[in-house]
Amino acid sequence: MRRDRSIEDLSDFLALPITSVLATFRPDGRVLLSPVWHEWRDGGFNVGCDRGNAHVGNLRRDPRASLVVPGQEPPWIGVEVRCEARILEEGVEPIVRRIAARYEGEGRAEPDRPGRSVLLRLEPGQIRAWDFAEDEEG
């Protein structure tokens, strides 16, 4: 396993529409894990969601978050970011549509509930990136 991968080395991987996993903390301290759509842009991850989503409430109370992007096939690349997330509320609809278009295509990328979207911004506080390329070669 190579653990020394830089985020710059993984730009092609991060451009793929892979469902990631977002972790936030519930009020009782338990972790809430959910699959989310994301994009890597300008040195951080953008995740669009509905302003009534449990993650939004959790982050308003406790901004600590983790996002994992797991590779779906060899060489099993992965990225984990741990940070304090920001919640952006103004002018986010075009970004949320762009993220949806990565996964569903342009024609289906309209938000279901316009005006209800927020953007979670996760800029790396700590980042971990890996792959198993060396293991696959053996």
N, C-alpha and C. Protein backbone atom coordinates (compact mmCIF):
# COMPACT_ATOMS: atom_id res chain seq x y z
N MET A 1 0.84 -1.18 0.00
CA MET A 1 0.00 0.00 0.00
C MET A 1 0.89 1.24 0.00
N ARG A 2 0.63 2.15 -0.93
CA ARG A 2 1.35 3.42 -0.95
C ARG A 2 0.50 4.45 -0.21
N ARG A 3 1.08 5.04 0.81
CA ARG A 3 0.36 6.03 1.61
C ARG A 3 0.85 7.44 1.35
N ASP A 4 1.82 7.58 0.48
CA ASP A 4 2.46 8.88 0.27
C ASP A 4 1.90 9.61 -0.94
N ARG A 5 0.72 9.26 -1.39
CA ARG A 5 0.14 9.90 -2.56
C ARG A 5 -0.22 11.35 -2.23
N SER A 6 0.10 12.24 -3.14
CA SER A 6 -0.30 13.63 -2.94
C SER A 6 -1.64 13.85 -3.64
N ILE A 7 -2.37 14.81 -3.17
CA ILE A 7 -3.67 15.11 -3.77
C ILE A 7 -3.51 15.53 -5.23
N GLU A 8 -2.40 16.17 -5.55
CA GLU A 8 -2.15 16.57 -6.93
C GLU A 8 -1.99 15.35 -7.84
N ASP A 9 -1.40 14.27 -7.30
CA ASP A 9 -1.25 13.03 -8.07
C ASP A 9 -2.58 12.37 -8.39
N LEU A 10 -3.62 12.73 -7.66
CA LEU A 10 -4.89 12.03 -7.77
C LEU A 10 -5.97 12.84 -8.48
N SER A 11 -5.59 13.86 -9.22
CA SER A 11 -6.59 14.73 -9.86
C SER A 11 -7.49 13.94 -10.83
N ASP A 12 -6.94 13.00 -11.58
CA ASP A 12 -7.78 12.20 -12.49
C ASP A 12 -8.78 11.35 -11.71
N PHE A 13 -8.33 10.76 -10.62
CA PHE A 13 -9.21 9.97 -9.75
C PHE A 13 -10.32 10.85 -9.17
N LEU A 14 -9.96 12.03 -8.67
CA LEU A 14 -10.96 12.90 -8.05
C LEU A 14 -11.94 13.49 -9.06
N ALA A 15 -11.62 13.43 -10.34
CA ALA A 15 -12.53 13.91 -11.38
C ALA A 15 -13.63 12.89 -11.69
N LEU A 16 -13.49 11.66 -11.19
CA LEU A 16 -14.49 10.62 -11.45
C LEU A 16 -15.73 10.83 -10.57
N PRO A 17 -16.91 10.49 -11.08
CA PRO A 17 -18.13 10.63 -10.28
C PRO A 17 -18.32 9.43 -9.34
N ILE A 18 -17.48 9.36 -8.34
CA ILE A 18 -17.54 8.28 -7.34
C ILE A 18 -18.33 8.80 -6.14
N THR A 19 -19.28 8.01 -5.68
CA THR A 19 -20.01 8.39 -4.49
C THR A 19 -19.07 8.33 -3.30
N SER A 20 -19.02 9.42 -2.55
CA SER A 20 -18.15 9.49 -1.38
C SER A 20 -18.98 9.29 -0.12
N VAL A 21 -18.31 9.23 1.02
CA VAL A 21 -18.97 9.04 2.31
C VAL A 21 -18.62 10.21 3.20
N LEU A 22 -19.65 10.91 3.69
CA LEU A 22 -19.49 12.05 4.58
C LEU A 22 -19.79 11.62 6.01
N ALA A 23 -18.93 12.02 6.94
CA ALA A 23 -19.13 11.74 8.35
C ALA A 23 -19.26 13.05 9.12
N THR A 24 -20.32 13.15 9.92
CA THR A 24 -20.51 14.26 10.84
C THR A 24 -20.89 13.67 12.19
N PHE A 25 -20.98 14.54 13.20
CA PHE A 25 -21.29 14.07 14.55
C PHE A 25 -22.70 14.44 14.96
N ARG A 26 -23.46 13.45 15.39
CA ARG A 26 -24.82 13.66 15.89
C ARG A 26 -24.74 14.38 17.25
N PRO A 27 -25.85 14.93 17.71
CA PRO A 27 -25.84 15.62 19.01
C PRO A 27 -25.37 14.74 20.18
N ASP A 28 -25.63 13.44 20.09
CA ASP A 28 -25.20 12.55 21.19
C ASP A 28 -23.77 12.05 21.02
N GLY A 29 -23.06 12.55 19.99
CA GLY A 29 -21.66 12.18 19.78
C GLY A 29 -21.43 11.04 18.82
N ARG A 30 -22.49 10.32 18.47
CA ARG A 30 -22.33 9.23 17.50
C ARG A 30 -22.08 9.81 16.12
N VAL A 31 -21.40 9.03 15.28
CA VAL A 31 -21.08 9.47 13.92
C VAL A 31 -22.24 9.14 12.99
N LEU A 32 -22.56 10.10 12.11
CA LEU A 32 -23.52 9.89 11.04
C LEU A 32 -22.74 9.76 9.74
N LEU A 33 -22.87 8.62 9.07
CA LEU A 33 -22.22 8.37 7.78
C LEU A 33 -23.28 8.33 6.69
N SER A 34 -23.01 9.03 5.60
CA SER A 34 -23.95 9.03 4.48
C SER A 34 -23.21 9.11 3.16
N PRO A 35 -23.74 8.40 2.14
CA PRO A 35 -23.17 8.56 0.80
C PRO A 35 -23.58 9.93 0.25
N VAL A 36 -22.63 10.62 -0.39
CA VAL A 36 -22.90 11.94 -0.96
C VAL A 36 -22.18 12.08 -2.29
N TRP A 37 -22.68 13.00 -3.09
CA TRP A 37 -22.00 13.40 -4.31
C TRP A 37 -21.09 14.57 -3.99
N HIS A 38 -19.98 14.65 -4.68
CA HIS A 38 -18.99 15.69 -4.38
C HIS A 38 -18.30 16.15 -5.66
N GLU A 39 -17.55 17.21 -5.52
CA GLU A 39 -16.57 17.60 -6.53
C GLU A 39 -15.35 18.13 -5.80
N TRP A 40 -14.17 17.88 -6.38
CA TRP A 40 -12.91 18.44 -5.89
C TRP A 40 -12.65 19.69 -6.73
N ARG A 41 -12.56 20.83 -6.08
CA ARG A 41 -12.37 22.08 -6.81
C ARG A 41 -11.70 23.09 -5.89
N ASP A 42 -10.70 23.79 -6.45
CA ASP A 42 -10.02 24.87 -5.74
C ASP A 42 -9.50 24.44 -4.37
N GLY A 43 -8.90 23.25 -4.34
CA GLY A 43 -8.24 22.79 -3.12
C GLY A 43 -9.15 22.26 -2.03
N GLY A 44 -10.39 21.90 -2.38
CA GLY A 44 -11.31 21.35 -1.39
C GLY A 44 -12.46 20.63 -2.05
N PHE A 45 -13.28 20.01 -1.23
CA PHE A 45 -14.45 19.30 -1.70
C PHE A 45 -15.70 20.14 -1.52
N ASN A 46 -16.57 20.12 -2.51
CA ASN A 46 -17.90 20.70 -2.43
C ASN A 46 -18.91 19.56 -2.38
N VAL A 47 -19.85 19.66 -1.46
CA VAL A 47 -20.93 18.68 -1.34
C VAL A 47 -22.23 19.48 -1.25
N GLY A 48 -23.14 19.23 -2.17
CA GLY A 48 -24.43 19.91 -2.13
C GLY A 48 -25.44 19.07 -1.38
N CYS A 49 -26.30 19.75 -0.61
CA CYS A 49 -27.37 19.03 0.07
C CYS A 49 -28.51 20.00 0.42
N ASP A 50 -29.60 19.44 0.87
CA ASP A 50 -30.76 20.21 1.28
C ASP A 50 -30.47 20.85 2.65
N ARG A 51 -30.90 22.09 2.83
CA ARG A 51 -30.62 22.80 4.09
C ARG A 51 -31.24 22.11 5.29
N GLY A 52 -32.24 21.24 5.10
CA GLY A 52 -32.84 20.50 6.21
C GLY A 52 -32.17 19.17 6.49
N ASN A 53 -31.12 18.84 5.76
CA ASN A 53 -30.40 17.58 5.93
C ASN A 53 -29.78 17.49 7.32
N ALA A 54 -29.75 16.29 7.88
CA ALA A 54 -29.18 16.09 9.22
C ALA A 54 -27.71 16.53 9.28
N HIS A 55 -26.96 16.34 8.18
CA HIS A 55 -25.56 16.76 8.19
C HIS A 55 -25.44 18.27 8.41
N VAL A 56 -26.34 19.03 7.83
CA VAL A 56 -26.28 20.48 7.97
C VAL A 56 -26.49 20.86 9.44
N GLY A 57 -27.51 20.27 10.07
CA GLY A 57 -27.73 20.54 11.50
C GLY A 57 -26.55 20.12 12.34
N ASN A 58 -25.98 18.95 12.02
CA ASN A 58 -24.82 18.49 12.78
C ASN A 58 -23.65 19.46 12.64
N LEU A 59 -23.40 19.93 11.41
CA LEU A 59 -22.26 20.82 11.17
C LEU A 59 -22.48 22.21 11.76
N ARG A 60 -23.71 22.66 11.84
CA ARG A 60 -23.96 23.95 12.49
C ARG A 60 -23.58 23.88 13.97
N ARG A 61 -23.79 22.75 14.58
CA ARG A 61 -23.49 22.56 15.99
C ARG A 61 -22.01 22.20 16.22
N ASP A 62 -21.47 21.37 15.32
CA ASP A 62 -20.09 20.88 15.45
C ASP A 62 -19.53 20.76 14.04
N PRO A 63 -18.63 21.67 13.63
CA PRO A 63 -18.18 21.69 12.23
C PRO A 63 -17.22 20.58 11.83
N ARG A 64 -16.84 19.71 12.74
CA ARG A 64 -15.92 18.63 12.38
C ARG A 64 -16.58 17.66 11.40
N ALA A 65 -15.80 17.31 10.35
CA ALA A 65 -16.32 16.41 9.33
C ALA A 65 -15.18 15.62 8.71
N SER A 66 -15.53 14.50 8.12
CA SER A 66 -14.61 13.71 7.31
C SER A 66 -15.33 13.33 6.04
N LEU A 67 -14.56 13.26 4.96
CA LEU A 67 -15.09 12.79 3.68
C LEU A 67 -14.10 11.78 3.14
N VAL A 68 -14.61 10.62 2.74
CA VAL A 68 -13.79 9.58 2.14
C VAL A 68 -14.28 9.34 0.73
N VAL A 69 -13.35 9.33 -0.22
CA VAL A 69 -13.63 8.97 -1.61
C VAL A 69 -12.93 7.64 -1.85
N PRO A 70 -13.68 6.54 -1.87
CA PRO A 70 -13.07 5.22 -2.04
C PRO A 70 -13.06 4.77 -3.49
N GLY A 71 -11.91 4.32 -3.96
CA GLY A 71 -11.82 3.76 -5.30
C GLY A 71 -12.70 2.53 -5.43
N GLN A 72 -13.24 2.32 -6.63
CA GLN A 72 -14.18 1.23 -6.86
C GLN A 72 -13.56 0.04 -7.57
N GLU A 73 -12.28 0.16 -7.94
CA GLU A 73 -11.61 -0.93 -8.67
C GLU A 73 -10.10 -0.77 -8.47
N PRO A 74 -9.33 -1.82 -8.79
CA PRO A 74 -7.88 -1.72 -8.65
C PRO A 74 -7.35 -0.52 -9.41
N PRO A 75 -6.39 0.17 -8.85
CA PRO A 75 -5.53 -0.16 -7.70
C PRO A 75 -6.06 0.33 -6.36
N TRP A 76 -7.39 0.50 -6.20
CA TRP A 76 -8.02 0.83 -4.92
C TRP A 76 -7.47 2.13 -4.33
N ILE A 77 -7.55 3.16 -5.13
CA ILE A 77 -7.15 4.50 -4.69
C ILE A 77 -8.17 5.01 -3.69
N GLY A 78 -7.72 5.81 -2.76
CA GLY A 78 -8.64 6.43 -1.81
C GLY A 78 -8.10 7.73 -1.28
N VAL A 79 -9.02 8.60 -0.88
CA VAL A 79 -8.68 9.89 -0.28
C VAL A 79 -9.60 10.11 0.91
N GLU A 80 -9.03 10.57 2.00
CA GLU A 80 -9.80 10.97 3.18
C GLU A 80 -9.39 12.37 3.57
N VAL A 81 -10.38 13.22 3.82
CA VAL A 81 -10.15 14.58 4.30
C VAL A 81 -10.84 14.72 5.64
N ARG A 82 -10.12 15.25 6.62
CA ARG A 82 -10.69 15.60 7.93
C ARG A 82 -10.52 17.09 8.11
N CYS A 83 -11.60 17.77 8.51
CA CYS A 83 -11.54 19.23 8.57
C CYS A 83 -12.70 19.78 9.38
N GLU A 84 -12.76 21.09 9.42
CA GLU A 84 -13.95 21.79 9.91
C GLU A 84 -14.66 22.33 8.68
N ALA A 85 -15.82 21.81 8.41
CA ALA A 85 -16.58 22.17 7.21
C ALA A 85 -17.24 23.53 7.38
N ARG A 86 -17.42 24.20 6.25
CA ARG A 86 -18.19 25.45 6.22
C ARG A 86 -19.49 25.18 5.48
N ILE A 87 -20.54 25.88 5.88
CA ILE A 87 -21.83 25.79 5.21
C ILE A 87 -22.04 27.09 4.44
N LEU A 88 -22.15 26.97 3.11
CA LEU A 88 -22.37 28.13 2.26
C LEU A 88 -23.83 28.10 1.80
N GLU A 89 -24.50 29.26 1.86
CA GLU A 89 -25.93 29.29 1.56
C GLU A 89 -26.31 30.19 0.41
N GLU A 90 -25.49 31.14 0.07
CA GLU A 90 -25.83 32.11 -0.98
C GLU A 90 -25.19 31.72 -2.31
N GLY A 91 -25.97 31.78 -3.37
CA GLY A 91 -25.45 31.56 -4.71
C GLY A 91 -24.92 30.17 -4.98
N VAL A 92 -25.45 29.17 -4.29
CA VAL A 92 -24.90 27.81 -4.41
C VAL A 92 -25.60 26.95 -5.46
N GLU A 93 -26.77 27.37 -5.93
CA GLU A 93 -27.53 26.54 -6.87
C GLU A 93 -26.73 26.12 -8.10
N PRO A 94 -25.96 27.04 -8.75
CA PRO A 94 -25.19 26.59 -9.92
C PRO A 94 -24.15 25.52 -9.57
N ILE A 95 -23.57 25.61 -8.41
CA ILE A 95 -22.56 24.62 -8.00
C ILE A 95 -23.24 23.28 -7.71
N VAL A 96 -24.38 23.32 -7.04
CA VAL A 96 -25.12 22.09 -6.75
C VAL A 96 -25.55 21.42 -8.05
N ARG A 97 -26.00 22.22 -9.04
CA ARG A 97 -26.37 21.66 -10.35
C ARG A 97 -25.16 21.04 -11.04
N ARG A 98 -24.01 21.71 -10.95
CA ARG A 98 -22.79 21.19 -11.59
C ARG A 98 -22.41 19.84 -10.97
N ILE A 99 -22.51 19.74 -9.64
CA ILE A 99 -22.19 18.48 -8.97
C ILE A 99 -23.17 17.39 -9.42
N ALA A 100 -24.46 17.72 -9.45
CA ALA A 100 -25.47 16.74 -9.88
C ALA A 100 -25.21 16.29 -11.31
N ALA A 101 -24.78 17.20 -12.17
CA ALA A 101 -24.50 16.86 -13.57
C ALA A 101 -23.37 15.86 -13.70
N ARG A 102 -22.42 15.90 -12.78
CA ARG A 102 -21.33 14.90 -12.80
C ARG A 102 -21.86 13.49 -12.66
N TYR A 103 -22.93 13.33 -11.90
CA TYR A 103 -23.46 12.01 -11.58
C TYR A 103 -24.64 11.61 -12.45
N GLU A 104 -25.50 12.57 -12.80
CA GLU A 104 -26.73 12.24 -13.51
C GLU A 104 -26.76 12.68 -14.96
N GLY A 105 -25.82 13.53 -15.36
CA GLY A 105 -25.84 14.08 -16.70
C GLY A 105 -26.51 15.45 -16.70
N GLU A 106 -26.19 16.23 -17.69
CA GLU A 106 -26.68 17.62 -17.76
C GLU A 106 -28.20 17.74 -17.74
N GLY A 107 -28.89 16.88 -18.46
CA GLY A 107 -30.34 17.00 -18.57
C GLY A 107 -31.10 16.77 -17.29
N ARG A 108 -30.50 16.08 -16.34
CA ARG A 108 -31.19 15.74 -15.09
C ARG A 108 -30.59 16.46 -13.89
N ALA A 109 -29.83 17.51 -14.13
CA ALA A 109 -29.05 18.12 -13.05
C ALA A 109 -29.75 19.25 -12.32
N GLU A 110 -31.05 19.40 -12.49
CA GLU A 110 -31.76 20.46 -11.78
C GLU A 110 -32.05 20.02 -10.35
N PRO A 111 -31.85 20.89 -9.38
CA PRO A 111 -32.20 20.52 -7.99
C PRO A 111 -33.69 20.24 -7.88
N ASP A 112 -34.05 19.29 -7.04
CA ASP A 112 -35.45 18.94 -6.83
C ASP A 112 -36.22 20.07 -6.16
N ARG A 113 -35.55 20.82 -5.32
CA ARG A 113 -36.21 21.85 -4.53
C ARG A 113 -35.38 23.13 -4.58
N PRO A 114 -35.54 23.92 -5.64
CA PRO A 114 -34.76 25.15 -5.75
C PRO A 114 -34.92 26.03 -4.51
N GLY A 115 -33.83 26.66 -4.11
CA GLY A 115 -33.84 27.53 -2.93
C GLY A 115 -33.63 26.79 -1.63
N ARG A 116 -33.56 25.47 -1.66
CA ARG A 116 -33.37 24.67 -0.45
C ARG A 116 -31.94 24.16 -0.32
N SER A 117 -31.11 24.40 -1.32
CA SER A 117 -29.77 23.82 -1.32
C SER A 117 -28.79 24.65 -0.50
N VAL A 118 -27.86 23.95 0.11
CA VAL A 118 -26.68 24.56 0.71
C VAL A 118 -25.47 23.80 0.17
N LEU A 119 -24.32 24.40 0.33
CA LEU A 119 -23.09 23.76 -0.10
C LEU A 119 -22.20 23.56 1.11
N LEU A 120 -21.75 22.35 1.30
CA LEU A 120 -20.77 22.05 2.35
C LEU A 120 -19.40 22.16 1.71
N ARG A 121 -18.54 22.94 2.30
CA ARG A 121 -17.18 23.14 1.79
C ARG A 121 -16.22 22.49 2.77
N LEU A 122 -15.49 21.50 2.27
CA LEU A 122 -14.52 20.76 3.09
C LEU A 122 -13.13 20.99 2.52
N GLU A 123 -12.40 21.86 3.17
CA GLU A 123 -11.02 22.14 2.76
C GLU A 123 -10.11 21.39 3.71
N PRO A 124 -9.16 20.66 3.15
CA PRO A 124 -8.37 19.76 3.97
C PRO A 124 -7.69 20.43 5.16
N GLY A 125 -8.01 19.90 6.32
CA GLY A 125 -7.24 20.17 7.52
C GLY A 125 -6.17 19.09 7.57
N GLN A 126 -6.64 17.86 7.46
CA GLN A 126 -5.76 16.70 7.34
C GLN A 126 -6.22 15.92 6.12
N ILE A 127 -5.27 15.43 5.37
CA ILE A 127 -5.61 14.65 4.18
C ILE A 127 -4.77 13.37 4.17
N ARG A 128 -5.41 12.30 3.76
CA ARG A 128 -4.75 11.01 3.65
C ARG A 128 -5.12 10.45 2.28
N ALA A 129 -4.13 10.04 1.52
CA ALA A 129 -4.38 9.49 0.19
C ALA A 129 -3.53 8.24 0.01
N TRP A 130 -4.10 7.24 -0.64
CA TRP A 130 -3.42 5.95 -0.77
C TRP A 130 -3.83 5.24 -2.05
N ASP A 131 -3.08 4.22 -2.37
CA ASP A 131 -3.47 3.25 -3.39
C ASP A 131 -2.74 1.95 -3.14
N PHE A 132 -3.16 0.92 -3.85
CA PHE A 132 -2.56 -0.41 -3.71
C PHE A 132 -1.87 -0.82 -4.99
N ALA A 133 -1.36 0.14 -5.75
CA ALA A 133 -0.74 -0.14 -7.04
C ALA A 133 0.43 -1.12 -6.90
N GLU A 134 1.25 -0.93 -5.89
CA GLU A 134 2.40 -1.83 -5.71
C GLU A 134 1.95 -3.25 -5.40
N ASP A 135 0.86 -3.40 -4.65
CA ASP A 135 0.33 -4.71 -4.34
C ASP A 135 -0.20 -5.42 -5.59
N GLU A 136 -0.80 -4.64 -6.50
CA GLU A 136 -1.36 -5.19 -7.74
C GLU A 136 -0.24 -5.68 -8.67
N GLU A 137 0.93 -5.03 -8.62
CA GLU A 137 2.04 -5.37 -9.52
C GLU A 137 2.65 -6.71 -9.17
N GLY A 138 2.63 -7.06 -7.87
CA GLY A 138 3.31 -8.24 -7.37
C GLY A 138 2.70 -9.49 -7.86
